């Protein structure tokens, strides 16, 4: 009865996606059904292929002793400008009387550990980002009702970021990116599905395509570390994000009746202030010291005088947005 042929067997590491700073990787090998005394010495070949098509035999048909063992492969630094190297690991064992040897193989993908960067919407690599709309409201504000309402729509704290997708040959299927904010109360990371951006915590995705742009939303004054992590290797890049919202600084008044109205209040320094709405009872107000009191209202003339008060708790802010203050007698 003829013995079964010897079979080459390789055991890949836990992950075949590595960083060039991971040191050496152990490659476990064995020969199954080896026949004692038969010339079945296994050989190991490891070929490194770079992205610029340079091929190097890191291990060239090295003969291994015994029927099992572990080979320690030191990883080389990826060449500057390349994302990764591919190592092809092949174990081969000859069987007497067989035309072809038994082989087993697997690839290793070794990435430049410093390749991943976070970039802004201009394609610039960043490590810090400040979200601040003060410059949009600290100058002359519009008095036209339509322009005031349009201004409010433009005051959401939103910035778009992504990774350095155009710098390397990132693969849409192998190079998924995970995103995380360390402080979702201040800074949320949002993904566009359909036509709207939504907090990534509402999705069950493990990772996102490397070409995807994420929207950061400033929800409250504060800071957060936003981290992008290469899901396959664990390499990461982070940006420190600071949100400076207009909460308690910018106010939008919409009053009824729709008429020019005089407003009086005390700011955060104790100074008394008097301002007026437009003829529609609408006012965009930037008050850097905040409104510290209730707001007294007066409109009309002669016998048709309207008086009113807006209490502080009735000026309701949306997340990161200006206060909306309304009054209906």
C-alpha atoms as a PDB file:
ATOM      1  CA  UNK A   1       0.000   0.000   0.000  1.00  0.00           C
ATOM      2  CA  UNK A   2       1.467   3.363  -1.040  1.00  0.00           C
ATOM      3  CA  UNK A   3       1.777   6.042   1.633  1.00  0.00           C
ATOM      4  CA  UNK A   4      -0.029   9.338   0.967  1.00  0.00           C
ATOM      5  CA  UNK A   5       2.220  12.102  -0.372  1.00  0.00           C
ATOM      6  CA  UNK A   6       3.761  14.584   1.983  1.00  0.00           C
ATOM      7  CA  UNK A   7       1.828  17.837   2.198  1.00  0.00           C
ATOM      8  CA  UNK A   8       3.289  21.287   2.812  1.00  0.00           C
ATOM      9  CA  UNK A   9       1.318  23.356   5.314  1.00  0.00           C
ATOM     10  CA  UNK A  10       1.763  26.994   6.364  1.00  0.00           C
ATOM     11  CA  UNK A  11      -0.030  28.720   9.228  1.00  0.00           C
ATOM     12  CA  UNK A  12      -0.429  32.455   8.574  1.00  0.00           C
ATOM     13  CA  UNK A  13      -0.135  34.886  11.468  1.00  0.00           C
ATOM     14  CA  UNK A  14      -3.325  36.077  13.137  1.00  0.00           C
ATOM     15  CA  UNK A  15      -3.466  38.944  10.617  1.00  0.00           C
ATOM     16  CA  UNK A  16      -1.794  39.102   7.219  1.00  0.00           C
ATOM     17  CA  UNK A  17      -2.018  42.913   7.364  1.00  0.00           C
ATOM     18  CA  UNK A  18       0.973  44.321   9.211  1.00  0.00           C
ATOM     19  CA  UNK A  19       2.932  47.528   9.781  1.00  0.00           C
ATOM     20  CA  UNK A  20       6.622  47.836   8.975  1.00  0.00           C
ATOM     21  CA  UNK A  21       7.208  48.719  12.633  1.00  0.00           C
ATOM     22  CA  UNK A  22       5.791  45.413  13.868  1.00  0.00           C
ATOM     23  CA  UNK A  23       9.270  43.862  13.989  1.00  0.00           C
ATOM     24  CA  UNK A  24       9.556  40.196  13.032  1.00  0.00           C
ATOM     25  CA  UNK A  25       6.625  37.943  12.197  1.00  0.00           C
ATOM     26  CA  UNK A  26       6.688  34.229  12.980  1.00  0.00           C
ATOM     27  CA  UNK A  27       5.694  31.888  10.162  1.00  0.00           C
ATOM     28  CA  UNK A  28       4.705  28.425  11.377  1.00  0.00           C
ATOM     29  CA  UNK A  29       5.192  25.549   8.938  1.00  0.00           C
ATOM     30  CA  UNK A  30       4.850  21.781   8.886  1.00  0.00           C
ATOM     31  CA  UNK A  31       5.042  18.781   6.573  1.00  0.00           C
ATOM     32  CA  UNK A  32       2.135  16.383   6.949  1.00  0.00           C
ATOM     33  CA  UNK A  33       2.382  12.713   6.009  1.00  0.00           C
ATOM     34  CA  UNK A  34       6.178  12.890   5.919  1.00  0.00           C
ATOM     35  CA  UNK A  35       7.829   9.516   5.301  1.00  0.00           C
ATOM     36  CA  UNK A  36      10.764   8.715   7.551  1.00  0.00           C
ATOM     37  CA  UNK A  37      13.995   8.472   5.561  1.00  0.00           C
ATOM     38  CA  UNK A  38      12.459   9.834   2.364  1.00  0.00           C
ATOM     39  CA  UNK A  39      14.096  12.847   0.662  1.00  0.00           C
ATOM     40  CA  UNK A  40      11.270  15.222   1.579  1.00  0.00           C
ATOM     41  CA  UNK A  41      13.144  18.194   2.958  1.00  0.00           C
ATOM     42  CA  UNK A  42      10.902  21.306   2.738  1.00  0.00           C
ATOM     43  CA  UNK A  43      12.065  24.601   1.295  1.00  0.00           C
ATOM     44  CA  UNK A  44      10.850  28.093   2.111  1.00  0.00           C
ATOM     45  CA  UNK A  45      10.777  30.985  -0.357  1.00  0.00           C
ATOM     46  CA  UNK A  46       9.658  34.518   0.567  1.00  0.00           C
ATOM     47  CA  UNK A  47       9.429  37.149  -2.160  1.00  0.00           C
ATOM     48  CA  UNK A  48       8.967  40.856  -1.433  1.00  0.00           C
ATOM     49  CA  UNK A  49       7.225  42.950  -4.101  1.00  0.00           C
ATOM     50  CA  UNK A  50       7.094  46.717  -3.753  1.00  0.00           C
ATOM     51  CA  UNK A  51       4.499  49.017  -5.319  1.00  0.00           C
ATOM     52  CA  UNK A  52       7.056  50.202  -7.870  1.00  0.00           C
ATOM     53  CA  UNK A  53       7.387  46.558  -9.004  1.00  0.00           C
ATOM     54  CA  UNK A  54      10.758  45.822  -7.449  1.00  0.00           C
ATOM     55  CA  UNK A  55      10.952  42.096  -6.648  1.00  0.00           C
ATOM     56  CA  UNK A  56      13.396  40.745  -4.060  1.00  0.00           C
ATOM     57  CA  UNK A  57      13.869  37.183  -2.796  1.00  0.00           C
ATOM     58  CA  UNK A  58      14.010  37.787   0.944  1.00  0.00           C
ATOM     59  CA  UNK A  59      14.340  34.029   1.490  1.00  0.00           C
ATOM     60  CA  UNK A  60      15.484  32.054  -1.557  1.00  0.00           C
ATOM     61  CA  UNK A  61      14.552  28.346  -1.412  1.00  0.00           C
ATOM     62  CA  UNK A  62      15.946  27.954   2.085  1.00  0.00           C
ATOM     63  CA  UNK A  63      15.983  24.317   3.205  1.00  0.00           C
ATOM     64  CA  UNK A  64      14.260  23.663   6.515  1.00  0.00           C
ATOM     65  CA  UNK A  65      15.081  20.884   8.965  1.00  0.00           C
ATOM     66  CA  UNK A  66      12.548  18.500  10.431  1.00  0.00           C
ATOM     67  CA  UNK A  67       8.836  18.267   9.776  1.00  0.00           C
ATOM     68  CA  UNK A  68       7.661  21.406  11.572  1.00  0.00           C
ATOM     69  CA  UNK A  69       8.962  24.647  12.906  1.00  0.00           C
ATOM     70  CA  UNK A  70       8.676  28.415  12.900  1.00  0.00           C
ATOM     71  CA  UNK A  71      10.542  30.900  10.753  1.00  0.00           C
ATOM     72  CA  UNK A  72      11.098  34.450  12.014  1.00  0.00           C
ATOM     73  CA  UNK A  73      10.752  36.967   9.181  1.00  0.00           C
ATOM     74  CA  UNK A  74      12.071  40.470   9.925  1.00  0.00           C
ATOM     75  CA  UNK A  75       9.942  43.092   8.204  1.00  0.00           C
ATOM     76  CA  UNK A  76      11.675  45.763   6.164  1.00  0.00           C
ATOM     77  CA  UNK A  77      10.721  49.424   6.057  1.00  0.00           C
ATOM     78  CA  UNK A  78       8.408  50.361   3.225  1.00  0.00           C
ATOM     79  CA  UNK A  79      10.057  52.668   0.702  1.00  0.00           C
ATOM     80  CA  UNK A  80       9.123  56.350   1.030  1.00  0.00           C
ATOM     81  CA  UNK A  81       6.202  57.188  -1.246  1.00  0.00           C
ATOM     82  CA  UNK A  82       4.826  53.631  -1.200  1.00  0.00           C
ATOM     83  CA  UNK A  83       1.870  52.531   0.895  1.00  0.00           C
ATOM     84  CA  UNK A  84       2.789  48.895   1.357  1.00  0.00           C
ATOM     85  CA  UNK A  85       4.917  45.925   0.326  1.00  0.00           C
ATOM     86  CA  UNK A  86       3.536  42.485  -0.476  1.00  0.00           C
ATOM     87  CA  UNK A  87       5.397  39.402   0.746  1.00  0.00           C
ATOM     88  CA  UNK A  88       4.558  36.066  -0.905  1.00  0.00           C
ATOM     89  CA  UNK A  89       5.399  33.169   1.428  1.00  0.00           C
ATOM     90  CA  UNK A  90       5.712  29.720  -0.218  1.00  0.00           C
ATOM     91  CA  UNK A  91       6.509  26.371   1.420  1.00  0.00           C
ATOM     92  CA  UNK A  92       7.393  23.503  -0.930  1.00  0.00           C
ATOM     93  CA  UNK A  93       8.116  19.808  -0.378  1.00  0.00           C
ATOM     94  CA  UNK A  94       9.143  17.289  -3.031  1.00  0.00           C
ATOM     95  CA  UNK A  95       7.536  13.864  -3.185  1.00  0.00           C
ATOM     96  CA  UNK A  96       9.576  11.107  -4.905  1.00  0.00           C
ATOM     97  CA  UNK A  97       7.792   9.915  -8.023  1.00  0.00           C
ATOM     98  CA  UNK A  98       5.524  13.002  -8.156  1.00  0.00           C
ATOM     99  CA  UNK A  99       5.883  15.470 -11.031  1.00  0.00           C
ATOM    100  CA  UNK A 100       5.097  18.521  -8.950  1.00  0.00           C
ATOM    101  CA  UNK A 101       5.927  19.347  -5.346  1.00  0.00           C
ATOM    102  CA  UNK A 102       3.305  19.973  -2.706  1.00  0.00           C
ATOM    103  CA  UNK A 103       3.126  23.699  -1.969  1.00  0.00           C
ATOM    104  CA  UNK A 104       1.297  26.026   0.349  1.00  0.00           C
ATOM    105  CA  UNK A 105       1.382  29.812   0.331  1.00  0.00           C
ATOM    106  CA  UNK A 106      -0.101  33.032   1.655  1.00  0.00           C
ATOM    107  CA  UNK A 107       0.563  36.759   1.218  1.00  0.00           C
ATOM    108  CA  UNK A 108       1.595  39.327   3.811  1.00  0.00           C
ATOM    109  CA  UNK A 109       0.707  42.979   3.311  1.00  0.00           C
ATOM    110  CA  UNK A 110       3.142  45.216   5.149  1.00  0.00           C
ATOM    111  CA  UNK A 111       2.162  48.904   5.357  1.00  0.00           C
ATOM    112  CA  UNK A 112       4.186  52.012   6.038  1.00  0.00           C
ATOM    113  CA  UNK A 113       3.216  52.641   9.663  1.00  0.00           C
ATOM    114  CA  UNK A 114       3.294  56.417   9.088  1.00  0.00           C
ATOM    115  CA  UNK A 115       1.253  56.442   5.876  1.00  0.00           C
ATOM    116  CA  UNK A 116      -2.131  57.385   7.313  1.00  0.00           C
ATOM    117  CA  UNK A 117      -2.871  61.102   7.728  1.00  0.00           C
ATOM    118  CA  UNK A 118      -5.995  63.168   8.395  1.00  0.00           C
ATOM    119  CA  UNK A 119      -6.680  65.945   5.892  1.00  0.00           C
ATOM    120  CA  UNK A 120      -9.089  68.864   5.717  1.00  0.00           C
ATOM    121  CA  UNK A 121     -11.405  69.567   2.789  1.00  0.00           C
ATOM    122  CA  UNK A 122      -8.545  71.322   0.974  1.00  0.00           C
ATOM    123  CA  UNK A 123      -6.411  68.182   1.024  1.00  0.00           C
ATOM    124  CA  UNK A 124      -4.029  69.583   3.643  1.00  0.00           C
ATOM    125  CA  UNK A 125      -2.683  67.285   6.344  1.00  0.00           C
ATOM    126  CA  UNK A 126      -3.788  68.558   9.750  1.00  0.00           C
ATOM    127  CA  UNK A 127      -3.183  67.697  13.407  1.00  0.00           C
ATOM    128  CA  UNK A 128      -5.419  70.428  14.875  1.00  0.00           C
ATOM    129  CA  UNK A 129      -8.653  72.068  13.767  1.00  0.00           C
ATOM    130  CA  UNK A 130     -10.668  74.917  15.262  1.00  0.00           C
ATOM    131  CA  UNK A 131     -14.331  75.266  14.371  1.00  0.00           C
ATOM    132  CA  UNK A 132     -15.370  78.891  14.907  1.00  0.00           C
ATOM    133  CA  UNK A 133     -17.992  80.986  13.102  1.00  0.00           C
ATOM    134  CA  UNK A 134     -17.408  84.215  15.017  1.00  0.00           C
ATOM    135  CA  UNK A 135     -16.009  85.952  11.939  1.00  0.00           C
ATOM    136  CA  UNK A 136     -19.349  85.454  10.160  1.00  0.00           C
ATOM    137  CA  UNK A 137     -21.294  87.461  12.742  1.00  0.00           C
ATOM    138  CA  UNK A 138     -18.823  89.893  14.328  1.00  0.00           C
ATOM    139  CA  UNK A 139     -19.084  92.419  11.502  1.00  0.00           C
ATOM    140  CA  UNK A 140     -22.112  94.148  10.001  1.00  0.00           C
ATOM    141  CA  UNK A 141     -25.084  91.810  10.121  1.00  0.00           C
ATOM    142  CA  UNK A 142     -27.885  91.770   7.523  1.00  0.00           C
ATOM    143  CA  UNK A 143     -31.155  93.526   8.268  1.00  0.00           C
ATOM    144  CA  UNK A 144     -33.200  91.993   5.457  1.00  0.00           C
ATOM    145  CA  UNK A 145     -35.395  89.188   6.821  1.00  0.00           C
ATOM    146  CA  UNK A 146     -34.563  86.676   4.078  1.00  0.00           C
ATOM    147  CA  UNK A 147     -30.831  87.283   4.486  1.00  0.00           C
ATOM    148  CA  UNK A 148     -31.076  86.947   8.270  1.00  0.00           C
ATOM    149  CA  UNK A 149     -32.792  83.581   7.959  1.00  0.00           C
ATOM    150  CA  UNK A 150     -30.230  82.506   5.364  1.00  0.00           C
ATOM    151  CA  UNK A 151     -27.420  83.511   7.714  1.00  0.00           C
ATOM    152  CA  UNK A 152     -28.778  81.235  10.385  1.00  0.00           C
ATOM    153  CA  UNK A 153     -28.569  78.280   7.999  1.00  0.00           C
ATOM    154  CA  UNK A 154     -24.909  79.062   7.399  1.00  0.00           C
ATOM    155  CA  UNK A 155     -23.915  79.145  11.052  1.00  0.00           C
ATOM    156  CA  UNK A 156     -23.824  75.446  11.796  1.00  0.00           C
ATOM    157  CA  UNK A 157     -20.312  74.386  12.862  1.00  0.00           C
ATOM    158  CA  UNK A 158     -19.387  71.895  10.126  1.00  0.00           C
ATOM    159  CA  UNK A 159     -15.976  70.889   8.817  1.00  0.00           C
ATOM    160  CA  UNK A 160     -15.177  68.088   6.369  1.00  0.00           C
ATOM    161  CA  UNK A 161     -12.221  65.762   6.832  1.00  0.00           C
ATOM    162  CA  UNK A 162     -10.894  62.546   5.357  1.00  0.00           C
ATOM    163  CA  UNK A 163      -7.660  60.602   5.020  1.00  0.00           C
ATOM    164  CA  UNK A 164      -4.862  61.193   2.480  1.00  0.00           C
ATOM    165  CA  UNK A 165      -6.633  59.041  -0.108  1.00  0.00           C
ATOM    166  CA  UNK A 166      -5.016  60.660  -3.149  1.00  0.00           C
ATOM    167  CA  UNK A 167      -1.497  60.241  -1.790  1.00  0.00           C
ATOM    168  CA  UNK A 168      -1.408  56.429  -1.973  1.00  0.00           C
ATOM    169  CA  UNK A 169      -3.140  53.565  -3.699  1.00  0.00           C
ATOM    170  CA  UNK A 170      -5.620  52.841  -0.919  1.00  0.00           C
ATOM    171  CA  UNK A 171      -7.901  49.930  -1.738  1.00  0.00           C
ATOM    172  CA  UNK A 172     -11.642  50.435  -1.254  1.00  0.00           C
ATOM    173  CA  UNK A 173     -12.143  46.841  -0.101  1.00  0.00           C
ATOM    174  CA  UNK A 174      -9.022  46.173   1.983  1.00  0.00           C
ATOM    175  CA  UNK A 175      -8.339  49.572   3.513  1.00  0.00           C
ATOM    176  CA  UNK A 176     -11.439  50.370   5.541  1.00  0.00           C
ATOM    177  CA  UNK A 177     -11.144  53.308   7.951  1.00  0.00           C
ATOM    178  CA  UNK A 178     -12.705  53.509  11.405  1.00  0.00           C
ATOM    179  CA  UNK A 179     -13.579  56.929  12.850  1.00  0.00           C
ATOM    180  CA  UNK A 180     -13.982  57.906  16.497  1.00  0.00           C
ATOM    181  CA  UNK A 181     -14.567  61.094  18.490  1.00  0.00           C
ATOM    182  CA  UNK A 182     -13.376  61.160  22.080  1.00  0.00           C
ATOM    183  CA  UNK A 183     -16.113  63.656  23.021  1.00  0.00           C
ATOM    184  CA  UNK A 184     -19.348  63.251  21.088  1.00  0.00           C
ATOM    185  CA  UNK A 185     -21.059  65.855  23.243  1.00  0.00           C
ATOM    186  CA  UNK A 186     -18.843  68.530  21.685  1.00  0.00           C
ATOM    187  CA  UNK A 187     -17.738  67.051  18.334  1.00  0.00           C
ATOM    188  CA  UNK A 188     -19.600  64.364  16.414  1.00  0.00           C
ATOM    189  CA  UNK A 189     -18.380  62.503  13.319  1.00  0.00           C
ATOM    190  CA  UNK A 190     -21.035  62.222  10.635  1.00  0.00           C
ATOM    191  CA  UNK A 191     -21.419  60.027   7.548  1.00  0.00           C
ATOM    192  CA  UNK A 192     -23.456  60.894   4.458  1.00  0.00           C
ATOM    193  CA  UNK A 193     -25.929  58.194   3.522  1.00  0.00           C
ATOM    194  CA  UNK A 194     -28.366  59.270   0.864  1.00  0.00           C
ATOM    195  CA  UNK A 195     -28.545  63.044   0.947  1.00  0.00           C
ATOM    196  CA  UNK A 196     -27.985  63.709   4.640  1.00  0.00           C
ATOM    197  CA  UNK A 197     -25.093  63.463   7.089  1.00  0.00           C
ATOM    198  CA  UNK A 198     -25.820  61.525  10.259  1.00  0.00           C
ATOM    199  CA  UNK A 199     -23.846  60.667  13.399  1.00  0.00           C
ATOM    200  CA  UNK A 200     -21.815  57.504  12.776  1.00  0.00           C
ATOM    201  CA  UNK A 201     -23.018  56.144  16.108  1.00  0.00           C
ATOM    202  CA  UNK A 202     -26.367  55.597  14.388  1.00  0.00           C
ATOM    203  CA  UNK A 203     -24.796  53.161  11.926  1.00  0.00           C
ATOM    204  CA  UNK A 204     -23.520  49.608  12.419  1.00  0.00           C
ATOM    205  CA  UNK A 205     -20.676  49.831   9.899  1.00  0.00           C
ATOM    206  CA  UNK A 206     -17.342  48.401  11.073  1.00  0.00           C
ATOM    207  CA  UNK A 207     -15.418  50.808   8.845  1.00  0.00           C
ATOM    208  CA  UNK A 208     -15.824  53.261   5.973  1.00  0.00           C
ATOM    209  CA  UNK A 209     -14.308  53.450   2.500  1.00  0.00           C
ATOM    210  CA  UNK A 210     -10.938  55.229   2.538  1.00  0.00           C
ATOM    211  CA  UNK A 211     -12.181  57.792   0.008  1.00  0.00           C
ATOM    212  CA  UNK A 212     -15.140  58.814   2.212  1.00  0.00           C
ATOM    213  CA  UNK A 213     -15.297  62.375   3.517  1.00  0.00           C
ATOM    214  CA  UNK A 214     -16.674  62.694   7.035  1.00  0.00           C
ATOM    215  CA  UNK A 215     -18.419  65.778   8.428  1.00  0.00           C
ATOM    216  CA  UNK A 216     -17.461  67.041  11.863  1.00  0.00           C
ATOM    217  CA  UNK A 217     -20.249  68.829  13.674  1.00  0.00           C
ATOM    218  CA  UNK A 218     -19.581  71.212  16.555  1.00  0.00           C
ATOM    219  CA  UNK A 219     -22.406  70.635  19.029  1.00  0.00           C
ATOM    220  CA  UNK A 220     -21.123  72.543  22.061  1.00  0.00           C
ATOM    221  CA  UNK A 221     -18.066  74.413  23.234  1.00  0.00           C
ATOM    222  CA  UNK A 222     -15.300  71.913  23.889  1.00  0.00           C
ATOM    223  CA  UNK A 223     -12.551  69.776  22.424  1.00  0.00           C
ATOM    224  CA  UNK A 224     -12.250  66.245  21.137  1.00  0.00           C
ATOM    225  CA  UNK A 225      -9.661  63.978  19.587  1.00  0.00           C
ATOM    226  CA  UNK A 226     -10.975  62.602  16.306  1.00  0.00           C
ATOM    227  CA  UNK A 227      -9.096  59.467  15.267  1.00  0.00           C
ATOM    228  CA  UNK A 228      -8.945  57.650  11.948  1.00  0.00           C
ATOM    229  CA  UNK A 229      -7.788  54.034  12.271  1.00  0.00           C
ATOM    230  CA  UNK A 230      -6.822  51.664   9.461  1.00  0.00           C
ATOM    231  CA  UNK A 231      -9.005  48.709  10.383  1.00  0.00           C
ATOM    232  CA  UNK A 232      -6.691  46.037   8.954  1.00  0.00           C
ATOM    233  CA  UNK A 233      -3.409  47.103  10.612  1.00  0.00           C
ATOM    234  CA  UNK A 234      -4.431  49.379  13.465  1.00  0.00           C
ATOM    235  CA  UNK A 235      -2.286  52.301  12.294  1.00  0.00           C
ATOM    236  CA  UNK A 236      -3.977  55.582  13.122  1.00  0.00           C
ATOM    237  CA  UNK A 237      -3.874  59.342  12.763  1.00  0.00           C
ATOM    238  CA  UNK A 238      -5.615  61.911  14.945  1.00  0.00           C
ATOM    239  CA  UNK A 239      -6.681  65.533  14.869  1.00  0.00           C
ATOM    240  CA  UNK A 240      -7.399  67.707  17.916  1.00  0.00           C
ATOM    241  CA  UNK A 241     -10.676  69.523  17.252  1.00  0.00           C
ATOM    242  CA  UNK A 242     -11.896  72.571  19.162  1.00  0.00           C
ATOM    243  CA  UNK A 243     -15.453  73.866  18.815  1.00  0.00           C
ATOM    244  CA  UNK A 244     -16.248  77.472  19.624  1.00  0.00           C
ATOM    245  CA  UNK A 245     -19.976  77.829  19.179  1.00  0.00           C
ATOM    246  CA  UNK A 246     -22.071  80.986  19.094  1.00  0.00           C
ATOM    247  CA  UNK A 247     -24.267  79.771  21.913  1.00  0.00           C
ATOM    248  CA  UNK A 248     -25.068  82.659  24.291  1.00  0.00           C
ATOM    249  CA  UNK A 249     -23.443  85.062  21.815  1.00  0.00           C
ATOM    250  CA  UNK A 250     -25.635  85.171  18.736  1.00  0.00           C
ATOM    251  CA  UNK A 251     -29.405  85.625  18.919  1.00  0.00           C
ATOM    252  CA  UNK A 252     -32.126  85.533  16.304  1.00  0.00           C
ATOM    253  CA  UNK A 253     -35.307  87.412  17.272  1.00  0.00           C
ATOM    254  CA  UNK A 254     -38.614  86.834  15.467  1.00  0.00           C
ATOM    255  CA  UNK A 255     -41.407  88.872  17.034  1.00  0.00           C
ATOM    256  CA  UNK A 256     -45.169  89.177  16.628  1.00  0.00           C
ATOM    257  CA  UNK A 257     -46.683  91.531  15.633  1.00  0.00           C
ATOM    258  CA  UNK A 258     -44.333  91.809  12.682  1.00  0.00           C
ATOM    259  CA  UNK A 259     -43.262  95.399  13.194  1.00  0.00           C
ATOM    260  CA  UNK A 260     -40.168  97.374  14.081  1.00  0.00           C
ATOM    261  CA  UNK A 261     -39.561  96.703  17.781  1.00  0.00           C
ATOM    262  CA  UNK A 262     -37.204  98.178  20.348  1.00  0.00           C
ATOM    263  CA  UNK A 263     -35.374  95.683  22.561  1.00  0.00           C
ATOM    264  CA  UNK A 264     -33.653  96.487  25.854  1.00  0.00           C
ATOM    265  CA  UNK A 265     -31.480  94.120  27.862  1.00  0.00           C
ATOM    266  CA  UNK A 266     -28.415  93.884  30.087  1.00  0.00           C
ATOM    267  CA  UNK A 267     -25.307  92.118  28.759  1.00  0.00           C
ATOM    268  CA  UNK A 268     -22.910  89.871  30.661  1.00  0.00           C
ATOM    269  CA  UNK A 269     -20.819  92.834  31.852  1.00  0.00           C
ATOM    270  CA  UNK A 270     -23.827  94.614  33.345  1.00  0.00           C
ATOM    271  CA  UNK A 271     -24.111  97.194  30.558  1.00  0.00           C
ATOM    272  CA  UNK A 272     -27.580  98.237  29.370  1.00  0.00           C
ATOM    273  CA  UNK A 273     -28.173  97.805  25.634  1.00  0.00           C
ATOM    274  CA  UNK A 274     -30.894  99.005  23.266  1.00  0.00           C
ATOM    275  CA  UNK A 275     -31.360  97.615  19.742  1.00  0.00           C
ATOM    276  CA  UNK A 276     -34.117  97.539  17.123  1.00  0.00           C
ATOM    277  CA  UNK A 277     -35.516  94.865  14.803  1.00  0.00           C
ATOM    278  CA  UNK A 278     -36.368  95.457  11.146  1.00  0.00           C
ATOM    279  CA  UNK A 279     -39.941  96.241  10.049  1.00  0.00           C
ATOM    280  CA  UNK A 280     -40.760  92.506  10.139  1.00  0.00           C
ATOM    281  CA  UNK A 281     -39.842  92.188  13.802  1.00  0.00           C
ATOM    282  CA  UNK A 282     -36.715  90.198  12.908  1.00  0.00           C
ATOM    283  CA  UNK A 283     -33.225  90.866  14.283  1.00  0.00           C
ATOM    284  CA  UNK A 284     -29.878  89.098  14.085  1.00  0.00           C
ATOM    285  CA  UNK A 285     -27.859  90.142  17.145  1.00  0.00           C
ATOM    286  CA  UNK A 286     -24.244  89.320  17.982  1.00  0.00           C
ATOM    287  CA  UNK A 287     -23.660  89.941  21.678  1.00  0.00           C
ATOM    288  CA  UNK A 288     -20.185  88.611  22.610  1.00  0.00           C
ATOM    289  CA  UNK A 289     -20.856  89.130  26.323  1.00  0.00           C
ATOM    290  CA  UNK A 290     -24.193  87.336  26.186  1.00  0.00           C
ATOM    291  CA  UNK A 291     -27.615  88.519  27.318  1.00  0.00           C
ATOM    292  CA  UNK A 292     -27.744  88.334  31.100  1.00  0.00           C
ATOM    293  CA  UNK A 293     -31.286  89.579  31.645  1.00  0.00           C
ATOM    294  CA  UNK A 294     -34.760  89.255  30.241  1.00  0.00           C
ATOM    295  CA  UNK A 295     -35.401  91.297  27.090  1.00  0.00           C
ATOM    296  CA  UNK A 296     -37.974  94.100  27.225  1.00  0.00           C
ATOM    297  CA  UNK A 297     -39.944  94.762  24.014  1.00  0.00           C
ATOM    298  CA  UNK A 298     -41.804  97.846  22.798  1.00  0.00           C
ATOM    299  CA  UNK A 299     -43.413  98.445  19.417  1.00  0.00           C
ATOM    300  CA  UNK A 300     -46.177 100.537  17.892  1.00  0.00           C
ATOM    301  CA  UNK A 301     -47.182 104.133  18.557  1.00  0.00           C
ATOM    302  CA  UNK A 302     -50.034 106.218  19.934  1.00  0.00           C
ATOM    303  CA  UNK A 303     -52.861 104.011  21.181  1.00  0.00           C
ATOM    304  CA  UNK A 304     -51.385 100.892  19.573  1.00  0.00           C
ATOM    305  CA  UNK A 305     -48.437 100.187  21.860  1.00  0.00           C
ATOM    306  CA  UNK A 306     -47.259  96.607  22.326  1.00  0.00           C
ATOM    307  CA  UNK A 307     -45.134  95.696  25.328  1.00  0.00           C
ATOM    308  CA  UNK A 308     -43.629  92.370  26.114  1.00  0.00           C
ATOM    309  CA  UNK A 309     -40.833  90.449  27.781  1.00  0.00           C
ATOM    310  CA  UNK A 310     -38.714  87.566  26.567  1.00  0.00           C
ATOM    311  CA  UNK A 311     -37.324  85.536  29.438  1.00  0.00           C
ATOM    312  CA  UNK A 312     -33.865  83.981  29.119  1.00  0.00           C
ATOM    313  CA  UNK A 313     -35.230  80.463  29.186  1.00  0.00           C
ATOM    314  CA  UNK A 314     -37.325  81.242  26.108  1.00  0.00           C
ATOM    315  CA  UNK A 315     -34.255  81.768  23.933  1.00  0.00           C
ATOM    316  CA  UNK A 316     -33.687  78.175  22.877  1.00  0.00           C
ATOM    317  CA  UNK A 317     -30.402  77.182  21.181  1.00  0.00           C
ATOM    318  CA  UNK A 318     -30.051  74.318  18.767  1.00  0.00           C
ATOM    319  CA  UNK A 319     -26.847  72.293  19.043  1.00  0.00           C
ATOM    320  CA  UNK A 320     -23.978  74.643  18.294  1.00  0.00           C
ATOM    321  CA  UNK A 321     -26.393  77.140  16.762  1.00  0.00           C
ATOM    322  CA  UNK A 322     -27.543  80.639  17.715  1.00  0.00           C
ATOM    323  CA  UNK A 323     -30.410  81.194  20.145  1.00  0.00           C
ATOM    324  CA  UNK A 324     -33.873  81.478  18.631  1.00  0.00           C
ATOM    325  CA  UNK A 325     -35.881  84.063  20.570  1.00  0.00           C
ATOM    326  CA  UNK A 326     -39.557  84.505  19.741  1.00  0.00           C
ATOM    327  CA  UNK A 327     -42.407  86.466  21.271  1.00  0.00           C
ATOM    328  CA  UNK A 328     -46.123  86.160  20.574  1.00  0.00           C
ATOM    329  CA  UNK A 329     -48.370  88.290  22.804  1.00  0.00           C
END
